[in-house]
Amino acid sequence: MTHLTIFYLPEVLEHILHFLLIDKSLYSALYVSRLWYRCGAPILWKRIELKGGEAEDRTRLERFLKIVPGGGRKPVYSSKLTHLKITHYRSLSNKKIKGIVHTFPNIIHLDFEQSIDPTGKTLKLVAKSYLNLEYLNISALRELREFRSKNDIGLTAIANSCHKLEYLNISNCTEFSEISICNVVRSCPRLKQLDLSYCRITDKTIEEIARSCPNLKYLNLRGCYIVGYPTYIISKEAIDQLVSLNPNIHIKNFVNNLSPPELIGAVINHLTQNNVVSRRTLAQDLQSLLDLSMRDNLQWYSDPGLTRSTVRSSNH
C-alpha cells in the first residue's frame, strides 16, 4: 500500500521562496498570488539593507523611512524584521531612529555605519529597546572624529543592557572614554568581533579584553596609535599577553613603532583640530613625536617646504 505524505502548502512554498531570496528574485514573486505574497512578504521583511551613499539605494532608503511612523499603526510585517542596515546616510535623525525603534521591536542585527551621532539619546534608546542585540555597528565619520566632546552616556547604556553582543564596531568614536570602552568589553563576554579603530585606548583596554572576552576572534586597532599618542599607547607586551591567553584571535593593524608617514599622519591629526587646546599642545606633541622617532632610529630627510607649511598651519 502506498503511503501518501501530506504537505502543508504554505510551509513548502516558504522553503521555495527562501531560494528566491538568495537569488534576489523574491520581490517580483510576491505578485504571483495572494498566497505567494502572504508567504513571501515576511521573508522579504526579515532583512533590510540600504546604503545612503548610492543614488539608487538612497531613493529606496528614503522611501523606506517614509513608512516609519513616529507612532501609531505599524506596517503589517514590521515584527518580522531582525536585520537592519542603513549606512552612509547622514540625514538619519534621532526622530527617525525613534520611529525605527517603535516600528521594528525585534531587531538583533543593527548597522548604522556612518549614519548616526553615536552619543547620548540615540544609543540610550537603542540599548533600552533592543536587549537581545547581537550585532551593532555605530562607527562614526572619520572627518568628524576629532571634533567630538567626551560623551559616555550612550556606550554606558549599551554596556548596561546589551549583554548578548557578538559584534561591536565603535571605530572613529573618539568621544568614548577608555573607562566606558572597558565597561562595554567587560559586559559583553560573547564578543567575537570588536573594531576599536581610532579609539583612544591603552594597555588597560587590551588587558580587559584578555580577561573578559575569551571568544574574541577579531580585533581591529587601526589608527589607535595615531589618535592616542602620546597619552594613549598600546604596548607590544600587552598584545603578546592577549595572544597568549587567546591564541585564536586575529589582531589587525596593531602598530608598535611609528614609521615616517605615520608620524606625518599624527602631525596632521593635530593640525586639523581647529581648536585652541590643540594649538597649545601642538608643540609639546610634536616634540614627543620627535622623541619617538629618535627612539625608533628613524631617518628623516630635510624638507624646508614641509617645515614652512607646518608652521603656517599651526599659526592659523
Protein backbone atom coordinates (compact mmCIF):
# COMPACT_ATOMS: atom_id res chain seq x y z
CA MET A 1 0.00 0.00 0.00
CA THR A 2 1.35 3.39 -0.96
CA HIS A 3 1.70 5.91 1.87
CA LEU A 4 0.90 9.48 0.92
CA THR A 5 2.69 12.31 2.69
CA ILE A 6 0.52 15.35 3.24
CA PHE A 7 2.36 18.62 2.70
CA TYR A 8 1.28 21.93 4.16
CA LEU A 9 1.48 24.10 1.05
CA PRO A 10 2.42 27.44 2.68
CA GLU A 11 5.27 25.73 4.52
CA VAL A 12 6.61 24.16 1.33
CA LEU A 13 6.21 27.43 -0.54
CA GLU A 14 8.12 29.28 2.16
CA HIS A 15 11.12 26.99 1.65
CA ILE A 16 10.96 27.64 -2.10
CA LEU A 17 10.76 31.40 -1.60
CA HIS A 18 13.89 31.36 0.54
CA PHE A 19 15.81 30.27 -2.56
CA LEU A 20 14.31 33.18 -4.49
CA LEU A 21 15.54 35.50 -1.74
CA ILE A 22 19.09 34.24 -2.21
CA ASP A 23 18.70 34.76 -5.97
CA LYS A 24 17.28 38.28 -5.33
CA SER A 25 14.10 37.38 -7.21
CA LEU A 26 11.71 37.30 -4.29
CA TYR A 27 10.17 40.76 -4.73
CA SER A 28 8.70 40.04 -8.17
CA ALA A 29 7.40 36.68 -6.91
CA LEU A 30 5.11 38.47 -4.45
CA TYR A 31 2.79 39.40 -7.32
CA VAL A 32 2.07 35.79 -8.38
CA SER A 33 -0.86 35.34 -6.00
CA ARG A 34 -2.15 36.25 -2.56
CA LEU A 35 -0.71 33.03 -1.15
CA TRP A 36 2.73 33.81 -2.52
CA TYR A 37 2.52 37.32 -1.09
CA ARG A 38 1.39 36.05 2.33
CA CYS A 39 4.29 33.60 2.44
CA GLY A 40 6.94 35.81 0.80
CA ALA A 41 6.42 39.19 2.44
CA PRO A 42 7.59 38.11 5.93
CA ILE A 43 10.78 36.70 4.38
CA LEU A 44 11.41 39.93 2.49
CA TRP A 45 10.90 41.99 5.64
CA LYS A 46 13.31 39.93 7.74
CA ARG A 47 16.45 41.61 6.39
CA ILE A 48 16.65 45.16 5.01
CA GLU A 49 19.95 46.63 3.78
CA LEU A 50 20.16 50.16 2.38
CA LYS A 51 23.09 52.44 1.57
CA GLY A 52 22.69 56.19 1.57
CA GLY A 53 25.87 56.68 -0.42
CA GLU A 54 24.48 55.14 -3.61
CA ALA A 55 21.83 57.01 -5.62
CA GLU A 56 19.55 54.04 -6.30
CA ASP A 57 19.76 52.78 -2.74
CA ARG A 58 19.29 56.28 -1.37
CA THR A 59 15.92 56.54 -3.12
CA ARG A 60 14.86 53.19 -1.68
CA LEU A 61 16.16 54.25 1.74
CA GLU A 62 14.15 57.47 1.79
CA ARG A 63 11.07 55.55 0.62
CA PHE A 64 11.60 53.07 3.45
CA LEU A 65 11.94 55.84 6.06
CA LYS A 66 8.61 57.30 4.94
CA ILE A 67 6.83 54.21 6.19
CA VAL A 68 8.49 54.53 9.59
CA PRO A 69 5.89 56.32 11.70
CA GLY A 70 6.55 58.44 14.74
CA GLY A 71 3.85 56.43 16.46
CA GLY A 72 0.53 54.79 15.74
CA ARG A 73 -0.05 51.98 13.26
CA LYS A 74 2.87 49.82 12.19
CA PRO A 75 3.41 48.04 8.86
CA VAL A 76 1.87 44.55 8.87
CA TYR A 77 5.17 42.65 8.80
CA SER A 78 7.25 45.03 10.93
CA SER A 79 7.67 42.45 13.70
CA LYS A 80 9.47 40.15 11.23
CA LEU A 81 12.42 42.49 10.74
CA THR A 82 15.53 41.26 12.59
CA HIS A 83 18.38 42.65 10.44
CA LEU A 84 18.51 46.36 9.60
CA LYS A 85 21.38 48.05 7.80
CA ILE A 86 21.35 51.77 7.00
CA THR A 87 24.83 53.01 6.12
CA HIS A 88 26.40 56.27 4.90
CA TYR A 89 23.21 58.26 5.40
CA ARG A 90 23.91 61.43 7.38
CA SER A 91 20.28 62.53 7.34
CA LEU A 92 19.17 59.77 9.72
CA SER A 93 17.73 61.93 12.51
CA ASN A 94 17.03 60.97 16.10
CA LYS A 95 13.32 61.27 15.29
CA LYS A 96 13.62 58.64 12.56
CA ILE A 97 15.63 56.35 14.83
CA LYS A 98 12.89 56.68 17.44
CA GLY A 99 10.41 55.69 14.74
CA ILE A 100 12.53 52.69 13.74
CA VAL A 101 12.71 51.51 17.35
CA HIS A 102 8.93 51.89 17.72
CA THR A 103 8.16 50.15 14.43
CA PHE A 104 10.62 47.25 14.49
CA PRO A 105 10.83 45.78 18.01
CA ASN A 106 12.68 42.53 17.21
CA ILE A 107 15.93 43.73 15.65
CA ILE A 108 19.04 41.78 16.68
CA HIS A 109 21.38 42.99 13.91
CA LEU A 110 21.74 46.78 13.66
CA ASP A 111 24.19 48.50 11.32
CA PHE A 112 24.21 52.32 11.34
CA GLU A 113 27.71 52.75 9.89
CA GLN A 114 28.44 56.46 9.36
CA SER A 115 24.75 57.31 9.70
CA ILE A 116 24.17 58.44 13.28
CA ASP A 117 25.69 60.54 16.00
CA PRO A 118 26.63 57.76 18.45
CA THR A 119 26.05 59.77 21.60
CA GLY A 120 23.61 60.04 24.49
CA LYS A 121 19.95 59.85 23.48
CA THR A 122 20.36 57.75 20.34
CA LEU A 123 22.29 54.90 21.93
CA LYS A 124 20.25 55.01 25.13
CA LEU A 125 17.15 54.45 23.02
CA VAL A 126 18.77 51.59 21.10
CA ALA A 127 20.02 49.95 24.32
CA LYS A 128 16.64 50.25 26.03
CA SER A 129 14.75 48.82 23.06
CA TYR A 130 16.99 46.00 21.85
CA LEU A 131 18.14 43.91 24.81
CA ASN A 132 18.76 40.91 22.52
CA LEU A 133 21.04 42.80 20.15
CA GLU A 134 23.84 40.61 18.78
CA TYR A 135 25.36 42.91 16.15
CA LEU A 136 25.91 46.67 16.48
CA ASN A 137 27.84 48.97 14.15
CA ILE A 138 27.87 52.65 15.12
CA SER A 139 31.15 53.64 13.51
CA ALA A 140 31.36 57.39 13.02
CA LEU A 141 32.51 59.60 10.16
CA ARG A 142 36.31 59.84 10.13
CA GLU A 143 36.34 63.52 9.24
CA LEU A 144 34.31 64.33 12.37
CA ARG A 145 36.14 62.20 14.89
CA GLU A 146 38.45 64.94 16.18
CA PHE A 147 35.70 67.45 16.88
CA ARG A 148 33.69 65.37 19.33
CA SER A 149 33.49 66.17 23.03
CA LYS A 150 33.61 63.37 25.58
CA ASN A 151 30.28 61.61 26.00
CA ASP A 152 29.96 58.17 27.58
CA ILE A 153 26.20 58.13 28.14
CA GLY A 154 25.33 56.10 25.04
CA LEU A 155 28.07 53.48 25.33
CA THR A 156 27.36 53.10 29.04
CA ALA A 157 23.73 52.34 28.18
CA ILE A 158 24.89 49.66 25.73
CA ALA A 159 27.14 48.16 28.42
CA ASN A 160 24.26 48.06 30.89
CA SER A 161 21.71 46.45 28.57
CA CYS A 162 23.12 44.65 25.53
CA HIS A 163 24.94 41.69 27.05
CA LYS A 164 24.38 39.38 24.07
CA LEU A 165 26.53 41.36 21.63
CA GLU A 166 28.82 39.25 19.45
CA TYR A 167 29.90 42.04 17.10
CA LEU A 168 30.64 45.65 18.06
CA ASN A 169 32.09 48.39 15.87
CA ILE A 170 32.74 51.78 17.51
CA SER A 171 35.51 52.90 15.16
CA ASN A 172 36.18 56.66 14.99
CA CYS A 173 34.08 57.22 18.14
CA THR A 174 36.66 59.33 19.93
CA GLU A 175 34.04 60.72 22.32
CA PHE A 176 34.04 57.45 24.25
CA SER A 177 36.44 57.33 27.18
CA GLU A 178 38.59 54.30 27.84
CA ILE A 179 36.59 53.63 31.00
CA SER A 180 33.35 53.25 29.04
CA ILE A 181 35.08 51.10 26.40
CA CYS A 182 36.39 48.79 29.12
CA ASN A 183 32.90 48.66 30.66
CA VAL A 184 31.28 47.51 27.42
CA VAL A 185 34.04 44.93 26.88
CA ARG A 186 33.51 43.61 30.41
CA SER A 187 29.73 43.48 29.95
CA CYS A 188 29.78 41.59 26.65
CA PRO A 189 31.65 38.30 27.16
CA ARG A 190 30.12 36.84 23.97
CA LEU A 191 32.00 39.27 21.72
CA LYS A 192 33.61 37.61 18.72
CA GLN A 193 34.50 40.70 16.67
CA LEU A 194 35.49 44.11 18.02
CA ASP A 195 36.52 47.16 16.00
CA LEU A 196 38.21 49.92 18.02
CA SER A 197 39.82 51.74 15.09
CA TYR A 198 40.88 55.30 16.00
CA CYS A 199 39.64 54.94 19.58
CA ARG A 200 41.79 56.31 22.41
CA ILE A 201 42.82 53.21 24.32
CA THR A 202 45.82 51.87 26.24
CA ASP A 203 47.01 48.57 27.67
CA LYS A 204 44.07 48.74 30.11
CA THR A 205 41.63 48.00 27.29
CA ILE A 206 43.77 45.19 25.91
CA GLU A 207 44.03 43.65 29.39
CA GLU A 208 40.25 43.91 29.84
CA ILE A 209 39.71 42.17 26.51
CA ALA A 210 42.07 39.39 27.60
CA ARG A 211 40.12 38.92 30.85
CA SER A 212 36.57 39.31 29.63
CA CYS A 213 36.34 38.14 26.00
CA PRO A 214 37.62 34.57 25.65
CA ASN A 215 35.60 34.08 22.44
CA LEU A 216 37.00 37.10 20.59
CA LYS A 217 38.28 36.14 17.14
CA TYR A 218 38.90 39.55 15.53
CA LEU A 219 40.22 42.83 16.94
CA ASN A 220 40.89 45.90 14.80
CA LEU A 221 43.25 48.54 16.25
CA ARG A 222 43.73 50.69 13.15
CA GLY A 223 44.83 54.23 13.95
CA CYS A 224 44.79 53.85 17.73
CA TYR A 225 48.47 54.77 17.88
CA ILE A 226 47.82 57.97 15.88
CA VAL A 227 44.85 59.47 17.71
CA GLY A 228 46.11 58.42 21.12
CA TYR A 229 49.80 59.30 21.11
CA PRO A 230 51.43 60.26 23.46
CA THR A 231 48.77 59.86 26.17
CA TYR A 232 47.27 56.60 24.91
CA ILE A 233 49.79 53.92 23.97
CA ILE A 234 49.34 50.18 23.43
CA SER A 235 52.44 48.12 24.17
CA LYS A 236 53.58 45.02 22.35
CA GLU A 237 53.77 43.27 25.72
CA ALA A 238 50.02 43.73 26.27
CA ILE A 239 49.26 42.40 22.79
CA ASP A 240 51.53 39.40 23.33
CA GLN A 241 49.77 38.65 26.61
CA LEU A 242 46.38 38.80 24.88
CA VAL A 243 47.53 36.41 22.16
CA SER A 244 48.99 34.01 24.71
CA LEU A 245 45.63 33.84 26.51
CA ASN A 246 43.63 33.71 23.27
CA PRO A 247 45.78 32.12 20.53
CA ASN A 248 42.85 32.06 18.07
CA ILE A 249 42.45 35.84 17.98
CA HIS A 250 43.32 37.81 14.85
CA ILE A 251 44.62 41.29 15.70
CA LYS A 252 44.56 43.66 12.76
CA ASN A 253 46.52 46.90 12.27
CA PHE A 254 48.43 46.92 15.56
CA VAL A 255 51.50 49.13 15.21
CA ASN A 256 54.13 49.38 17.91
CA ASN A 257 56.54 51.77 16.16
CA LEU A 258 55.58 54.73 14.00
CA SER A 259 57.09 54.95 10.54
CA PRO A 260 57.77 58.40 8.97
CA PRO A 261 54.47 58.52 7.02
CA GLU A 262 52.59 57.60 10.18
CA LEU A 263 54.38 60.33 12.12
CA ILE A 264 53.28 62.80 9.46
CA GLY A 265 49.75 61.45 9.80
CA ALA A 266 49.87 62.02 13.54
CA VAL A 267 51.02 65.61 13.00
CA ILE A 268 48.21 66.22 10.50
CA ASN A 269 45.81 64.76 13.04
CA HIS A 270 46.74 67.56 15.45
CA LEU A 271 46.81 70.30 12.82
CA THR A 272 43.29 69.52 11.65
CA GLN A 273 41.90 70.02 15.14
CA ASN A 274 40.68 73.58 14.82
CA ASN A 275 40.61 74.50 18.49
CA VAL A 276 42.72 76.46 20.96
CA VAL A 277 43.64 73.50 23.14
CA SER A 278 45.05 71.61 20.19
CA ARG A 279 47.19 74.58 19.15
CA ARG A 280 48.60 74.97 22.64
CA THR A 281 49.59 71.33 22.86
CA LEU A 282 50.85 71.06 19.28
CA ALA A 283 54.47 71.96 20.10
CA GLN A 284 54.57 69.52 23.00
CA ASP A 285 53.12 66.69 20.93
CA LEU A 286 55.48 67.38 18.04
CA GLN A 287 58.40 67.12 20.45
CA SER A 288 57.01 63.83 21.74
CA LEU A 289 56.71 62.53 18.19
CA LEU A 290 60.29 63.59 17.52
CA ASP A 291 61.42 61.74 20.64
CA LEU A 292 59.59 58.67 19.41
CA SER A 293 61.21 58.87 16.01
CA MET A 294 64.65 59.09 17.63
CA ARG A 295 63.82 56.13 19.84
CA ASP A 296 62.94 54.04 16.81
CA ASN A 297 66.05 55.18 14.92
CA LEU A 298 64.02 56.65 12.08
CA GLN A 299 65.90 58.62 9.42
CA TRP A 300 64.40 61.88 8.25
CA TYR A 301 65.26 63.99 5.22
CA SER A 302 65.19 67.73 5.45
CA ASP A 303 62.25 69.35 3.68
CA PRO A 304 62.14 73.15 4.31
CA GLY A 305 58.90 73.44 2.32
CA LEU A 306 57.17 70.96 4.59
CA THR A 307 58.50 72.75 7.66
CA ARG A 308 57.21 76.14 6.46
CA SER A 309 53.77 74.75 5.60
CA THR A 310 53.55 73.07 9.01
CA VAL A 311 54.41 76.27 10.85
CA ARG A 312 51.87 78.27 8.81
CA SER A 313 49.15 75.69 9.54
CA SER A 314 49.79 75.81 13.28
CA ASN A 315 49.62 79.61 13.40
CA HIS A 316 46.21 79.93 11.70
